[in-house]
C-alpha atoms as a PDB file:
ATOM      1  CA  UNK A   1      -0.204   0.208  -0.045  1.00  0.00           C
ATOM      2  CA  UNK A   2       1.261   3.548  -0.803  1.00  0.00           C
ATOM      3  CA  UNK A   3       0.294   5.837   1.783  1.00  0.00           C
ATOM      4  CA  UNK A   4       0.680   9.476   1.887  1.00  0.00           C
ATOM      5  CA  UNK A   5       0.825  10.060   5.491  1.00  0.00           C
ATOM      6  CA  UNK A   6       3.482   7.334   6.492  1.00  0.00           C
ATOM      7  CA  UNK A   7       6.552   8.746   7.287  1.00  0.00           C
ATOM      8  CA  UNK A   8       8.524   5.622   6.544  1.00  0.00           C
ATOM      9  CA  UNK A   9       8.417   2.328   4.713  1.00  0.00           C
ATOM     10  CA  UNK A  10       7.381  -0.661   6.615  1.00  0.00           C
ATOM     11  CA  UNK A  11       7.293  -4.160   5.591  1.00  0.00           C
ATOM     12  CA  UNK A  12       6.310  -7.581   7.275  1.00  0.00           C
ATOM     13  CA  UNK A  13       8.124 -10.112   5.366  1.00  0.00           C
ATOM     14  CA  UNK A  14      11.836 -10.835   5.836  1.00  0.00           C
ATOM     15  CA  UNK A  15      12.313 -13.034   2.960  1.00  0.00           C
ATOM     16  CA  UNK A  16      11.348 -10.008   0.637  1.00  0.00           C
ATOM     17  CA  UNK A  17      14.673  -7.792   1.913  1.00  0.00           C
ATOM     18  CA  UNK A  18      17.679  -7.763  -0.174  1.00  0.00           C
ATOM     19  CA  UNK A  19      19.587  -6.422   2.752  1.00  0.00           C
ATOM     20  CA  UNK A  20      18.712  -6.198   6.251  1.00  0.00           C
ATOM     21  CA  UNK A  21      20.595  -5.133   9.416  1.00  0.00           C
ATOM     22  CA  UNK A  22      19.053  -6.747  12.477  1.00  0.00           C
ATOM     23  CA  UNK A  23      19.849  -4.644  15.734  1.00  0.00           C
ATOM     24  CA  UNK A  24      18.523  -4.915  19.093  1.00  0.00           C
ATOM     25  CA  UNK A  25      18.898  -0.874  19.230  1.00  0.00           C
ATOM     26  CA  UNK A  26      15.900  -0.045  17.033  1.00  0.00           C
ATOM     27  CA  UNK A  27      13.309   1.584  18.402  1.00  0.00           C
ATOM     28  CA  UNK A  28       9.616   1.522  18.029  1.00  0.00           C
ATOM     29  CA  UNK A  29       7.506   2.479  15.206  1.00  0.00           C
ATOM     30  CA  UNK A  30       4.411   4.532  16.131  1.00  0.00           C
ATOM     31  CA  UNK A  31       1.284   4.433  14.413  1.00  0.00           C
ATOM     32  CA  UNK A  32      -1.529   7.066  13.873  1.00  0.00           C
ATOM     33  CA  UNK A  33      -3.532   5.813  16.881  1.00  0.00           C
ATOM     34  CA  UNK A  34      -0.309   6.036  19.179  1.00  0.00           C
ATOM     35  CA  UNK A  35       0.121   2.234  18.661  1.00  0.00           C
ATOM     36  CA  UNK A  36       3.495   1.080  18.853  1.00  0.00           C
ATOM     37  CA  UNK A  37       5.357  -1.690  16.776  1.00  0.00           C
ATOM     38  CA  UNK A  38       8.752  -3.067  17.289  1.00  0.00           C
ATOM     39  CA  UNK A  39      11.113  -2.436  14.272  1.00  0.00           C
ATOM     40  CA  UNK A  40      13.255  -5.528  14.105  1.00  0.00           C
ATOM     41  CA  UNK A  41      15.650  -4.100  11.491  1.00  0.00           C
ATOM     42  CA  UNK A  42      16.079  -1.824   8.513  1.00  0.00           C
ATOM     43  CA  UNK A  43      17.041  -2.954   5.189  1.00  0.00           C
ATOM     44  CA  UNK A  44      16.422  -2.356   1.524  1.00  0.00           C
ATOM     45  CA  UNK A  45      13.223  -4.077  -0.590  1.00  0.00           C
ATOM     46  CA  UNK A  46      13.059  -4.505  -4.235  1.00  0.00           C
ATOM     47  CA  UNK A  47       9.173  -4.482  -5.523  1.00  0.00           C
ATOM     48  CA  UNK A  48       7.754  -5.034  -8.616  1.00  0.00           C
ATOM     49  CA  UNK A  49       5.269  -2.182  -8.895  1.00  0.00           C
ATOM     50  CA  UNK A  50       1.845  -1.989 -10.849  1.00  0.00           C
ATOM     51  CA  UNK A  51       3.391  -0.740 -13.983  1.00  0.00           C
ATOM     52  CA  UNK A  52       5.636  -3.701 -14.004  1.00  0.00           C
ATOM     53  CA  UNK A  53       9.052  -2.144 -13.168  1.00  0.00           C
ATOM     54  CA  UNK A  54      10.942  -3.191 -10.409  1.00  0.00           C
ATOM     55  CA  UNK A  55      11.922  -0.563  -8.111  1.00  0.00           C
ATOM     56  CA  UNK A  56      14.516  -0.902  -4.945  1.00  0.00           C
ATOM     57  CA  UNK A  57      13.534   0.971  -1.620  1.00  0.00           C
ATOM     58  CA  UNK A  58      16.063   1.679   0.888  1.00  0.00           C
ATOM     59  CA  UNK A  59      15.552   2.671   4.928  1.00  0.00           C
ATOM     60  CA  UNK A  60      12.542  -0.048   4.791  1.00  0.00           C
ATOM     61  CA  UNK A  61      11.698  -0.836   8.336  1.00  0.00           C
ATOM     62  CA  UNK A  62      11.342  -4.617   9.097  1.00  0.00           C
ATOM     63  CA  UNK A  63       8.077  -4.772  11.354  1.00  0.00           C
ATOM     64  CA  UNK A  64       6.717  -8.294  11.358  1.00  0.00           C
ATOM     65  CA  UNK A  65       3.793  -7.671  13.529  1.00  0.00           C
ATOM     66  CA  UNK A  66       2.449  -5.275  10.986  1.00  0.00           C
ATOM     67  CA  UNK A  67      -0.867  -6.513   9.249  1.00  0.00           C
ATOM     68  CA  UNK A  68       0.011  -4.129   5.925  1.00  0.00           C
ATOM     69  CA  UNK A  69       3.055  -3.270   4.131  1.00  0.00           C
ATOM     70  CA  UNK A  70       3.337   0.401   3.386  1.00  0.00           C
ATOM     71  CA  UNK A  71       5.386   2.310   1.204  1.00  0.00           C
ATOM     72  CA  UNK A  72       5.666   6.281   2.471  1.00  0.00           C
ATOM     73  CA  UNK A  73       5.135   8.442  -0.292  1.00  0.00           C
ATOM     74  CA  UNK A  74       7.177  11.146   1.353  1.00  0.00           C
ATOM     75  CA  UNK A  75       9.846   8.896   1.746  1.00  0.00           C
ATOM     76  CA  UNK A  76       9.640   7.239  -1.817  1.00  0.00           C
ATOM     77  CA  UNK A  77       9.985  10.935  -3.354  1.00  0.00           C
ATOM     78  CA  UNK A  78      12.567  11.894  -1.196  1.00  0.00           C
ATOM     79  CA  UNK A  79      14.657   8.620  -2.500  1.00  0.00           C
ATOM     80  CA  UNK A  80      14.133   9.672  -6.027  1.00  0.00           C
ATOM     81  CA  UNK A  81      11.093   8.015  -6.860  1.00  0.00           C
ATOM     82  CA  UNK A  82       8.183   9.639  -8.731  1.00  0.00           C
ATOM     83  CA  UNK A  83       4.440   8.897  -7.600  1.00  0.00           C
ATOM     84  CA  UNK A  84       1.875   9.314 -10.696  1.00  0.00           C
ATOM     85  CA  UNK A  85      -1.947   8.073  -9.817  1.00  0.00           C
ATOM     86  CA  UNK A  86      -5.462   8.856 -10.120  1.00  0.00           C
ATOM     87  CA  UNK A  87      -8.418   7.715  -8.236  1.00  0.00           C
END
């Protein structure tokens, strides 16, 4: 899911990470409703998007307890990606 409000990319499936740094020092990820989820690592993920192009996203938080994977539009554009969409 692409989210215009999310501040960071998060993903729950460890297998999809190309690189992943696991560290006990990582903090919790705070959601809009003030719920906290533990970040278990940070790495890069390659994903095939709806246009068929495979993109690599960096600084993705590994949060196995999340229900949905999120791509932050703000983080995406700061990494040089462009979002074009319509309703």
